[in-house]
Amino acid sequence: MFVTRRISLALTLLCMSLPTASAVDSDDPRVTPLVKAVENCREFVVNIHTEKAGTDEGDSRFFTSKSRRVSGMGTGIVVDERGYIVTNYHVIHEVDEITVTMMSGEVMKARPVSFDRKQDMAIIHVTAPGPLTVMPIGTSSDMRLAEQVFAVGNAFGYEYTVTSGIVSALGRDVEVDETQAYENLIQTDASINPGNSGGPLLNLNGDVIGINVAIRAGAQRIGFAIPIDDARKTISRLLSTERLNGISHGLFGTDVKTPNNQHLLVDNVITGSAADRCGLKPGDVVASVRGIKIHDLADWERSLLDIPVGKVLDVSVLRDSNPVALQFAVGVGQNVPSIAVSPDRRINVQTVATNGTAVAPATESIREKAERLYGMQIVPLSPRDRAALGRRYSGGMKIVNVSADSLAAKHGIKRGDVLLGLDGFETLDDRNLNFILQDSRLKSLTTMKFQIFRGNQALVGHMKLDGV
């Protein structure tokens, strides 16, 4: 047994600035593995600049506060050729404008797509004129102490700055403050500075093995990165087709990460789901979807993301080490074929029975579903309610009534509480609820963690879902 030392530190914003590479002679002794790796990484790293409104308080007792613009910086990594980029949540938190600069110098506006506050990761999107270069996926499963690594990032606004160092330690638990802590981080002495947040930590092969996230305040050359194997699990949730498109696929799998093999192993498929109809079976290794090589669940989710319902995709799997060709119809299957959210935020679900025959459509507001399952009647926050939360939370939904003898009532939830999250996900709007309360997800749960805001504090509890 050992005691993990938790380290207090300050968050930073982290990425890099490289000269244009010219043709080089492979026999040139100056062309080291590090030089080659750096030359190959520039296309999938982007520089992020942010702005938000601020005020200059000055002598505010006598004069009106002056508005001003507060600039920030960070780094991102391209995870899908259609413009999806991963960065740290703290890079884009509460900003008004996000700008991405590519290696070519092209500048594009970006929009936030999804985020995980606890894991401090977010997905943003740019509309690029053509396909972007996607990060080469490494694994953090075989990292060694003193292994040489390098960081790339927008350090202090100096775009595409490269720093090198070694892996100083593994498995660090790091506490930033009372609201943010990290687990299992990589510690490195590669210089990481404000502006590097969200940028890659790479090995000598040029593979991304971590996402730079923080530095130790007041120290020199003590920086931290999220191991890429952990980060990819979060990315898969942030790119979930259920979460972003409202369409379930019905596949549950495990990321298998070894030094020589990275693949997605199918654990289970929901009966009647699109994955089941496709012919996917437990034990299959998913090799590719519509030409995208599948390394893990993150690749699986992005291969299906934003694909129209009904479109048929080619899927290649290995079954008992033999290649098998399948076809996957997006959004077709029991309880999941198409989910359309109308302007009044009511969700119309057209289900299909396992024999392929249509069932009469059922219409239920997602808020009605929450009330039916848990006895909570919820509505969006008013400006006053949102202001009461302060800056600690992104938002939530107001609980305006709790039915007697309901699950919510039995677990201490009261009228007037603000529902901040369910099952580890924030409950900011109906779209969040739709993802969280999918039938396919609820079937696998026996308890559901909830977080509420009451008075001036956040409270956490767990609801038993017997009978749900």
Protein backbone atom coordinates (compact mmCIF):
# COMPACT_ATOMS: atom_id res chain seq x y z
CA MET A 1 0.00 0.00 0.00
CA PHE A 2 1.24 3.47 -0.72
CA VAL A 3 0.03 6.98 -0.15
CA THR A 4 -0.27 9.20 -3.20
CA ARG A 5 0.90 12.73 -2.62
CA ARG A 6 -1.53 15.27 -4.02
CA ILE A 7 0.17 18.34 -5.38
CA SER A 8 -1.35 21.84 -5.37
CA LEU A 9 -0.69 23.67 -8.62
CA ALA A 10 -1.99 26.28 -11.01
CA LEU A 11 -3.71 25.53 -14.29
CA THR A 12 -2.16 26.88 -17.41
CA LEU A 13 -3.09 27.26 -21.02
CA LEU A 14 -0.49 25.39 -23.19
CA CYS A 15 1.01 24.76 -27.69
CA MET A 16 3.97 25.61 -30.34
CA SER A 17 5.87 27.55 -33.20
CA LEU A 18 7.99 25.78 -35.76
CA PRO A 19 9.96 27.00 -38.74
CA THR A 20 8.91 25.68 -42.09
CA ALA A 21 10.74 22.44 -42.76
CA SER A 22 12.78 22.09 -45.91
CA ALA A 23 13.74 18.90 -47.60
CA VAL A 24 16.32 17.10 -45.52
CA ASP A 25 18.79 14.34 -46.16
CA SER A 26 17.90 11.23 -44.19
CA ASP A 27 21.65 10.64 -43.72
CA ASP A 28 22.17 14.05 -42.15
CA PRO A 29 23.29 13.44 -38.53
CA ARG A 30 21.29 16.49 -37.48
CA VAL A 31 18.06 14.75 -38.51
CA THR A 32 17.53 12.94 -35.22
CA PRO A 33 14.41 10.94 -34.31
CA LEU A 34 13.19 14.02 -32.44
CA VAL A 35 13.55 16.23 -35.52
CA LYS A 36 11.68 13.71 -37.66
CA ALA A 37 8.91 13.39 -35.09
CA VAL A 38 8.49 17.17 -34.87
CA GLU A 39 8.33 17.52 -38.65
CA ASN A 40 5.50 15.00 -38.77
CA CYS A 41 3.37 16.51 -35.99
CA ARG A 42 2.76 20.05 -37.18
CA GLU A 43 -0.30 19.42 -39.31
CA PHE A 44 -2.53 18.08 -36.50
CA VAL A 45 -1.62 20.69 -33.86
CA VAL A 46 -3.55 23.97 -33.83
CA ASN A 47 -3.14 27.19 -31.88
CA ILE A 48 -6.18 28.46 -29.98
CA HIS A 49 -6.86 32.08 -29.08
CA THR A 50 -9.89 33.11 -27.02
CA GLU A 51 -11.58 36.31 -25.98
CA LYS A 52 -14.18 37.15 -23.38
CA ALA A 53 -15.71 40.27 -21.97
CA GLY A 54 -14.24 41.69 -18.78
CA THR A 55 -14.50 44.85 -16.77
CA ASP A 56 -11.90 47.25 -15.50
CA GLU A 57 -13.20 48.00 -12.04
CA GLY A 58 -10.88 50.96 -11.41
CA ASP A 59 -12.39 53.38 -8.93
CA SER A 60 -15.84 51.91 -9.39
CA ARG A 61 -17.27 53.73 -6.38
CA PHE A 62 -17.22 56.93 -8.38
CA PHE A 63 -17.00 55.90 -12.03
CA THR A 64 -18.78 53.38 -14.25
CA SER A 65 -16.69 50.24 -14.84
CA LYS A 66 -15.14 50.13 -18.29
CA SER A 67 -15.67 47.06 -20.41
CA ARG A 68 -12.60 45.39 -21.88
CA ARG A 69 -11.64 42.23 -23.74
CA VAL A 70 -9.68 39.50 -21.98
CA SER A 71 -7.54 37.32 -24.24
CA GLY A 72 -6.52 33.73 -23.60
CA MET A 73 -4.52 31.11 -25.41
CA GLY A 74 -4.22 27.37 -25.68
CA THR A 75 -3.54 24.49 -28.01
CA GLY A 76 -5.63 21.82 -29.70
CA ILE A 77 -5.21 18.48 -31.44
CA VAL A 78 -7.22 17.42 -34.49
CA VAL A 79 -9.16 14.23 -33.72
CA ASP A 80 -11.34 14.10 -36.85
CA GLU A 81 -10.63 15.30 -40.37
CA ARG A 82 -13.95 17.20 -40.49
CA GLY A 83 -12.69 19.80 -38.05
CA TYR A 84 -13.24 18.29 -34.59
CA ILE A 85 -10.45 19.32 -32.22
CA VAL A 86 -9.74 18.32 -28.61
CA THR A 87 -8.40 20.77 -26.05
CA ASN A 88 -8.71 21.40 -22.33
CA TYR A 89 -12.01 22.60 -20.94
CA HIS A 90 -10.30 25.40 -19.02
CA VAL A 91 -9.02 26.80 -22.33
CA ILE A 92 -12.55 27.57 -23.57
CA HIS A 93 -14.44 27.94 -20.29
CA GLU A 94 -16.69 31.02 -20.28
CA VAL A 95 -15.13 32.56 -23.39
CA ASP A 96 -17.10 34.48 -26.01
CA GLU A 97 -14.95 33.79 -29.04
CA ILE A 98 -12.63 30.95 -30.08
CA THR A 99 -10.16 31.32 -32.95
CA VAL A 100 -8.02 28.50 -34.33
CA THR A 101 -4.82 29.05 -36.32
CA MET A 102 -3.49 26.22 -38.47
CA MET A 103 0.14 25.52 -39.37
CA SER A 104 -0.55 27.05 -42.80
CA GLY A 105 -1.46 30.32 -41.09
CA GLU A 106 -5.15 29.93 -41.91
CA VAL A 107 -7.39 31.37 -39.17
CA MET A 108 -10.86 29.94 -38.50
CA LYS A 109 -13.61 30.58 -36.00
CA ALA A 110 -14.42 27.63 -33.75
CA ARG A 111 -17.47 26.67 -31.73
CA PRO A 112 -17.64 24.52 -28.59
CA VAL A 113 -19.24 21.12 -29.12
CA SER A 114 -19.06 19.22 -25.83
CA PHE A 115 -16.97 19.12 -22.69
CA ASP A 116 -16.24 17.21 -19.50
CA ARG A 117 -15.47 19.61 -16.66
CA LYS A 118 -14.13 16.93 -14.29
CA GLN A 119 -11.70 15.50 -16.84
CA ASP A 120 -10.91 19.04 -18.06
CA MET A 121 -11.40 18.16 -21.71
CA ALA A 122 -13.49 19.70 -24.48
CA ILE A 123 -14.24 19.30 -28.17
CA ILE A 124 -14.43 22.32 -30.46
CA HIS A 125 -15.23 22.40 -34.18
CA VAL A 126 -14.05 24.44 -37.14
CA THR A 127 -15.47 24.44 -40.66
CA ALA A 128 -12.33 23.73 -42.65
CA PRO A 129 -12.11 24.06 -46.45
CA GLY A 130 -10.78 20.53 -46.71
CA PRO A 131 -9.95 17.44 -44.63
CA LEU A 132 -7.58 18.07 -41.72
CA THR A 133 -4.73 15.81 -40.65
CA VAL A 134 -5.74 13.63 -37.69
CA MET A 135 -3.46 12.97 -34.72
CA PRO A 136 -1.39 9.77 -34.84
CA ILE A 137 -2.58 7.74 -31.88
CA GLY A 138 0.01 6.38 -29.52
CA THR A 139 -0.50 4.57 -26.26
CA SER A 140 0.44 5.54 -22.74
CA SER A 141 0.38 1.91 -21.62
CA ASP A 142 4.09 1.33 -22.24
CA MET A 143 5.64 4.62 -21.13
CA ARG A 144 8.92 4.34 -19.25
CA LEU A 145 10.54 6.59 -16.70
CA ALA A 146 13.20 8.80 -18.31
CA GLU A 147 11.82 8.12 -21.79
CA GLN A 148 12.42 11.14 -24.02
CA VAL A 149 9.29 13.14 -24.89
CA PHE A 150 8.49 16.55 -26.30
CA ALA A 151 5.67 19.05 -25.98
CA VAL A 152 4.24 21.21 -28.73
CA GLY A 153 2.13 24.26 -28.01
CA ASN A 154 1.18 27.90 -28.10
CA ALA A 155 3.51 28.79 -25.21
CA PHE A 156 2.82 32.36 -24.05
CA GLY A 157 1.38 32.94 -27.53
CA TYR A 158 4.56 31.83 -29.32
CA GLU A 159 2.88 29.48 -31.74
CA TYR A 160 4.26 25.99 -32.36
CA THR A 161 6.89 26.08 -29.65
CA VAL A 162 8.69 22.75 -29.19
CA THR A 163 10.28 21.71 -25.89
CA SER A 164 11.85 18.39 -25.01
CA GLY A 165 12.44 16.45 -21.82
CA ILE A 166 11.81 13.09 -20.23
CA VAL A 167 9.04 11.30 -18.41
CA SER A 168 9.76 12.30 -14.82
CA ALA A 169 7.05 10.24 -13.10
CA LEU A 170 3.86 8.32 -13.79
CA GLY A 171 0.54 8.08 -11.98
CA ARG A 172 0.63 11.49 -10.34
CA ASP A 173 -2.52 12.75 -8.59
CA VAL A 174 -2.67 16.53 -8.78
CA GLU A 175 -5.04 18.85 -6.92
CA VAL A 176 -5.53 22.31 -8.37
CA ASP A 177 -8.13 23.70 -5.98
CA GLU A 178 -11.33 22.66 -4.22
CA THR A 179 -13.14 22.17 -7.54
CA GLN A 180 -10.50 20.63 -9.82
CA ALA A 181 -8.26 17.60 -9.34
CA TYR A 182 -6.62 15.17 -11.70
CA GLU A 183 -5.65 11.54 -11.37
CA ASN A 184 -2.97 9.38 -12.98
CA LEU A 185 -1.10 12.19 -14.76
CA ILE A 186 2.25 11.98 -16.53
CA GLN A 187 4.88 14.24 -14.99
CA THR A 188 7.47 15.62 -17.41
CA ASP A 189 10.35 18.09 -17.35
CA ALA A 190 9.65 19.17 -20.94
CA SER A 191 8.94 22.87 -20.49
CA ILE A 192 5.20 23.48 -20.39
CA ASN A 193 4.01 27.06 -20.18
CA PRO A 194 0.76 29.05 -20.23
CA GLY A 195 -0.67 28.48 -23.69
CA ASN A 196 0.41 24.82 -23.87
CA SER A 197 -2.86 23.48 -22.41
CA GLY A 198 -4.56 21.03 -24.74
CA GLY A 199 -1.42 20.42 -26.78
CA PRO A 200 0.28 17.06 -27.33
CA LEU A 201 3.01 15.32 -25.42
CA LEU A 202 4.70 13.09 -28.00
CA ASN A 203 7.23 10.27 -28.02
CA LEU A 204 10.14 9.90 -30.40
CA ASN A 205 7.90 8.12 -32.91
CA GLY A 206 5.76 11.26 -33.12
CA ASP A 207 2.80 9.51 -31.50
CA VAL A 208 0.61 11.46 -29.09
CA ILE A 209 1.00 9.88 -25.65
CA GLY A 210 -0.50 12.65 -23.54
CA ILE A 211 -2.41 15.95 -23.52
CA ASN A 212 -0.62 18.73 -21.65
CA VAL A 213 -2.77 20.19 -18.92
CA ALA A 214 -0.97 21.91 -16.04
CA ILE A 215 2.24 23.07 -14.37
CA ARG A 216 3.39 23.26 -10.79
CA ALA A 217 3.16 26.89 -9.74
CA GLY A 218 6.49 28.32 -8.66
CA ALA A 219 8.48 25.30 -9.84
CA GLN A 220 10.74 24.82 -12.82
CA ARG A 221 10.24 22.07 -15.40
CA ILE A 222 7.46 20.30 -13.53
CA GLY A 223 4.57 19.84 -15.92
CA PHE A 224 1.73 17.37 -16.25
CA ALA A 225 -0.16 15.66 -19.06
CA ILE A 226 -3.26 13.45 -19.24
CA PRO A 227 -2.24 9.96 -20.50
CA ILE A 228 -3.61 9.50 -24.00
CA ASP A 229 -5.29 6.19 -23.14
CA ASP A 230 -7.33 7.99 -20.47
CA ALA A 231 -7.93 10.98 -22.73
CA ARG A 232 -9.25 8.84 -25.57
CA LYS A 233 -11.92 7.36 -23.30
CA THR A 234 -13.13 10.87 -22.52
CA ILE A 235 -12.95 11.84 -26.21
CA SER A 236 -15.19 8.89 -27.08
CA ARG A 237 -17.84 10.22 -24.69
CA LEU A 238 -17.48 13.76 -25.99
CA LEU A 239 -17.90 12.58 -29.61
CA SER A 240 -20.74 10.18 -28.78
CA THR A 241 -23.39 10.02 -31.51
CA GLU A 242 -25.98 9.62 -28.76
CA ARG A 243 -24.79 12.78 -27.09
CA LEU A 244 -24.35 14.93 -30.20
CA ASN A 245 -26.78 13.47 -32.75
CA GLY A 246 -29.34 11.76 -30.50
CA ILE A 247 -28.74 8.44 -32.30
CA SER A 248 -27.72 5.25 -30.52
CA HIS A 249 -25.66 2.50 -32.14
CA GLY A 250 -26.01 -0.18 -29.46
CA LEU A 251 -22.35 -1.24 -29.23
CA PHE A 252 -20.41 -1.60 -25.99
CA GLY A 253 -16.70 -2.21 -26.30
CA THR A 254 -13.30 -2.10 -24.65
CA ASP A 255 -10.22 -0.21 -25.79
CA VAL A 256 -7.32 -2.67 -25.93
CA LYS A 257 -4.03 -0.79 -25.74
CA THR A 258 -0.68 -2.55 -25.96
CA PRO A 259 2.63 -1.32 -27.39
CA ASN A 260 2.12 -3.26 -30.61
CA ASN A 261 -1.67 -3.39 -30.89
CA GLN A 262 -4.48 -0.91 -30.38
CA HIS A 263 -7.99 -2.08 -31.20
CA LEU A 264 -11.65 -1.97 -30.22
CA LEU A 265 -12.98 -5.23 -28.82
CA VAL A 266 -16.76 -5.68 -28.89
CA ASP A 267 -18.06 -6.65 -25.45
CA ASN A 268 -21.79 -6.60 -26.13
CA VAL A 269 -24.47 -5.32 -28.48
CA ILE A 270 -28.02 -4.37 -27.61
CA THR A 271 -30.55 -6.76 -29.10
CA GLY A 272 -32.32 -5.16 -32.03
CA SER A 273 -29.91 -2.20 -32.19
CA ALA A 274 -28.09 -0.98 -35.28
CA ALA A 275 -24.95 -2.83 -34.14
CA ASP A 276 -26.96 -6.04 -33.71
CA ARG A 277 -28.60 -5.68 -37.13
CA CYS A 278 -25.19 -5.06 -38.63
CA GLY A 279 -24.09 -8.48 -37.40
CA LEU A 280 -21.52 -7.33 -34.85
CA LYS A 281 -20.91 -9.91 -32.14
CA PRO A 282 -19.12 -10.01 -28.78
CA GLY A 283 -15.48 -10.87 -29.37
CA ASP A 284 -15.27 -9.08 -32.72
CA VAL A 285 -12.41 -6.65 -33.28
CA VAL A 286 -13.62 -3.63 -35.25
CA ALA A 287 -10.96 -2.90 -37.88
CA SER A 288 -12.51 -0.08 -39.91
CA VAL A 289 -15.71 1.88 -40.55
CA ARG A 290 -16.23 3.74 -43.84
CA GLY A 291 -12.50 3.60 -44.45
CA ILE A 292 -11.49 4.95 -41.02
CA LYS A 293 -9.12 2.67 -39.13
CA ILE A 294 -10.59 1.96 -35.71
CA HIS A 295 -8.12 2.04 -32.83
CA ASP A 296 -10.64 2.53 -30.03
CA LEU A 297 -14.10 3.74 -29.06
CA ALA A 298 -13.19 7.33 -29.93
CA ASP A 299 -12.58 6.29 -33.56
CA TRP A 300 -15.81 4.27 -33.56
CA GLU A 301 -17.87 7.25 -32.38
CA ARG A 302 -16.30 9.70 -34.82
CA SER A 303 -16.79 7.27 -37.70
CA LEU A 304 -20.57 7.43 -37.08
CA LEU A 305 -20.80 11.08 -36.02
CA ASP A 306 -22.94 13.36 -38.21
CA ILE A 307 -23.77 10.56 -40.65
CA PRO A 308 -27.41 10.78 -41.87
CA VAL A 309 -29.92 8.31 -40.50
CA GLY A 310 -30.39 5.39 -42.88
CA LYS A 311 -26.99 5.68 -44.57
CA VAL A 312 -25.26 2.31 -44.91
CA LEU A 313 -21.58 2.14 -44.00
CA ASP A 314 -19.00 -0.53 -44.74
CA VAL A 315 -17.64 -2.12 -41.56
CA SER A 316 -14.69 -4.50 -41.42
CA VAL A 317 -14.10 -6.72 -38.38
CA LEU A 318 -11.82 -9.53 -37.36
CA ARG A 319 -13.74 -12.54 -36.06
CA ASP A 320 -11.60 -15.38 -34.76
CA SER A 321 -8.71 -13.69 -36.60
CA ASN A 322 -10.60 -13.88 -39.91
CA PRO A 323 -11.72 -10.72 -41.77
CA VAL A 324 -15.49 -10.27 -42.04
CA ALA A 325 -17.21 -7.55 -44.09
CA LEU A 326 -20.43 -6.10 -42.64
CA GLN A 327 -22.78 -3.22 -43.38
CA PHE A 328 -23.98 -0.81 -40.71
CA ALA A 329 -27.22 1.16 -41.21
CA VAL A 330 -27.03 4.35 -39.14
CA GLY A 331 -29.93 4.86 -36.74
CA VAL A 332 -31.76 1.65 -37.58
CA GLY A 333 -32.72 -0.65 -34.75
CA GLN A 334 -34.98 -1.17 -31.80
CA ASN A 335 -35.70 2.13 -30.02
CA VAL A 336 -32.98 4.01 -31.88
CA PRO A 337 -33.68 4.52 -35.60
CA SER A 338 -34.27 8.25 -35.61
CA ILE A 339 -34.69 10.87 -32.94
CA ALA A 340 -35.87 14.28 -34.08
CA VAL A 341 -36.04 17.20 -31.68
CA SER A 342 -38.77 19.63 -32.72
CA PRO A 343 -38.72 23.38 -31.99
CA ASP A 344 -40.82 22.87 -28.87
CA ARG A 345 -38.09 20.47 -27.62
CA ARG A 346 -40.35 17.44 -27.79
CA ILE A 347 -38.62 14.28 -28.94
CA ASN A 348 -40.34 12.15 -31.56
CA VAL A 349 -38.98 8.62 -31.59
CA GLN A 350 -39.87 6.23 -34.44
CA THR A 351 -39.08 2.75 -33.18
CA VAL A 352 -38.64 -0.41 -35.19
CA ALA A 353 -39.38 -3.87 -33.88
CA THR A 354 -36.74 -6.59 -34.10
CA ASN A 355 -38.52 -8.13 -37.08
CA GLY A 356 -38.20 -4.85 -38.99
CA THR A 357 -41.84 -3.78 -38.83
CA ALA A 358 -42.61 -0.24 -37.74
CA VAL A 359 -44.24 0.48 -34.40
CA ALA A 360 -46.52 3.46 -33.85
CA PRO A 361 -44.40 6.51 -32.94
CA ALA A 362 -44.42 7.61 -29.33
CA THR A 363 -44.12 11.27 -28.38
CA GLU A 364 -42.82 12.24 -24.98
CA SER A 365 -41.06 15.37 -23.86
CA ILE A 366 -37.70 14.55 -22.34
CA ARG A 367 -38.74 16.58 -19.30
CA GLU A 368 -41.88 14.47 -19.04
CA LYS A 369 -39.68 11.40 -19.12
CA ALA A 370 -37.58 12.77 -16.27
CA GLU A 371 -40.75 13.44 -14.30
CA ARG A 372 -42.12 9.96 -15.04
CA LEU A 373 -38.89 8.20 -14.04
CA TYR A 374 -37.79 10.28 -11.07
CA GLY A 375 -40.68 12.53 -10.11
CA MET A 376 -38.77 15.75 -10.86
CA GLN A 377 -40.45 18.50 -12.83
CA ILE A 378 -37.65 20.58 -14.33
CA VAL A 379 -37.40 23.74 -16.41
CA PRO A 380 -34.51 25.83 -17.81
CA LEU A 381 -32.85 28.28 -15.45
CA SER A 382 -33.95 31.89 -15.33
CA PRO A 383 -31.23 34.57 -15.60
CA ARG A 384 -31.55 35.10 -11.85
CA ASP A 385 -31.11 31.39 -11.10
CA ARG A 386 -28.09 31.22 -13.40
CA ALA A 387 -26.51 34.24 -11.71
CA ALA A 388 -26.97 32.57 -8.32
CA LEU A 389 -24.75 29.69 -9.45
CA GLY A 390 -21.83 32.04 -10.00
CA ARG A 391 -18.92 31.00 -12.18
CA ARG A 392 -18.32 27.68 -10.51
CA TYR A 393 -20.91 25.89 -12.64
CA SER A 394 -21.85 26.09 -16.31
CA GLY A 395 -25.56 25.91 -15.55
CA GLY A 396 -28.28 23.40 -14.82
CA MET A 397 -32.05 23.01 -14.75
CA LYS A 398 -34.46 24.22 -12.05
CA ILE A 399 -36.52 21.64 -10.15
CA VAL A 400 -39.94 23.27 -9.77
CA ASN A 401 -41.79 20.31 -8.29
CA VAL A 402 -41.05 16.90 -6.74
CA SER A 403 -43.76 14.27 -6.60
CA ALA A 404 -44.45 12.62 -3.27
CA ASP A 405 -43.00 9.09 -2.90
CA SER A 406 -40.97 9.55 -6.09
CA LEU A 407 -37.32 8.51 -6.46
CA ALA A 408 -36.29 12.14 -6.24
CA ALA A 409 -38.25 12.67 -3.04
CA LYS A 410 -36.90 9.48 -1.46
CA HIS A 411 -33.35 10.66 -2.08
CA GLY A 412 -33.75 14.13 -0.62
CA ILE A 413 -34.20 16.20 -3.77
CA LYS A 414 -36.44 19.20 -3.11
CA ARG A 415 -38.39 21.80 -5.01
CA GLY A 416 -36.18 24.79 -5.74
CA ASP A 417 -32.99 22.76 -6.14
CA VAL A 418 -30.96 23.23 -9.30
CA LEU A 419 -30.10 19.96 -11.04
CA LEU A 420 -26.43 20.30 -12.03
CA GLY A 421 -25.81 16.78 -13.29
CA LEU A 422 -26.89 13.16 -13.63
CA ASP A 423 -24.70 10.08 -14.04
CA GLY A 424 -21.56 12.23 -14.23
CA PHE A 425 -22.90 14.44 -17.05
CA GLU A 426 -23.97 18.06 -16.78
CA THR A 427 -27.69 18.77 -17.20
CA LEU A 428 -27.63 22.09 -18.99
CA ASP A 429 -30.57 21.57 -21.34
CA ASP A 430 -32.97 19.08 -22.91
CA ARG A 431 -30.29 17.75 -25.24
CA ASN A 432 -28.16 16.71 -22.28
CA LEU A 433 -31.17 15.01 -20.68
CA ASN A 434 -31.94 13.20 -23.90
CA PHE A 435 -28.47 11.67 -23.91
CA ILE A 436 -28.48 10.78 -20.22
CA LEU A 437 -31.97 9.24 -20.18
CA GLN A 438 -31.64 7.01 -23.25
CA ASP A 439 -33.34 3.68 -22.53
CA SER A 440 -30.25 1.78 -23.70
CA ARG A 441 -28.14 3.57 -21.08
CA LEU A 442 -30.65 3.23 -18.24
CA LYS A 443 -30.88 -0.54 -18.71
CA SER A 444 -27.27 -0.94 -17.64
CA LEU A 445 -27.57 1.22 -14.49
CA THR A 446 -28.61 0.24 -10.99
CA THR A 447 -27.80 3.60 -9.42
CA MET A 448 -27.53 7.10 -10.82
CA LYS A 449 -25.33 9.77 -9.31
CA PHE A 450 -26.93 13.21 -9.09
CA GLN A 451 -25.60 16.64 -8.24
CA ILE A 452 -27.79 19.51 -7.12
CA PHE A 453 -27.21 23.11 -6.02
CA ARG A 454 -29.06 24.24 -2.93
CA GLY A 455 -28.57 27.49 -1.09
CA ASN A 456 -24.93 28.21 -1.78
CA GLN A 457 -23.50 24.72 -2.00
CA ALA A 458 -23.46 21.70 -4.29
CA LEU A 459 -24.74 18.38 -2.94
CA VAL A 460 -24.08 14.92 -4.36
CA GLY A 461 -26.15 11.76 -3.94
CA HIS A 462 -26.99 8.44 -5.58
CA MET A 463 -30.47 7.28 -6.60
CA LYS A 464 -31.27 3.58 -6.66
CA LEU A 465 -32.99 2.83 -9.95
CA ASP A 466 -34.97 -0.22 -8.90
CA GLY A 467 -37.96 -0.50 -11.16
CA VAL A 468 -36.86 2.20 -13.64
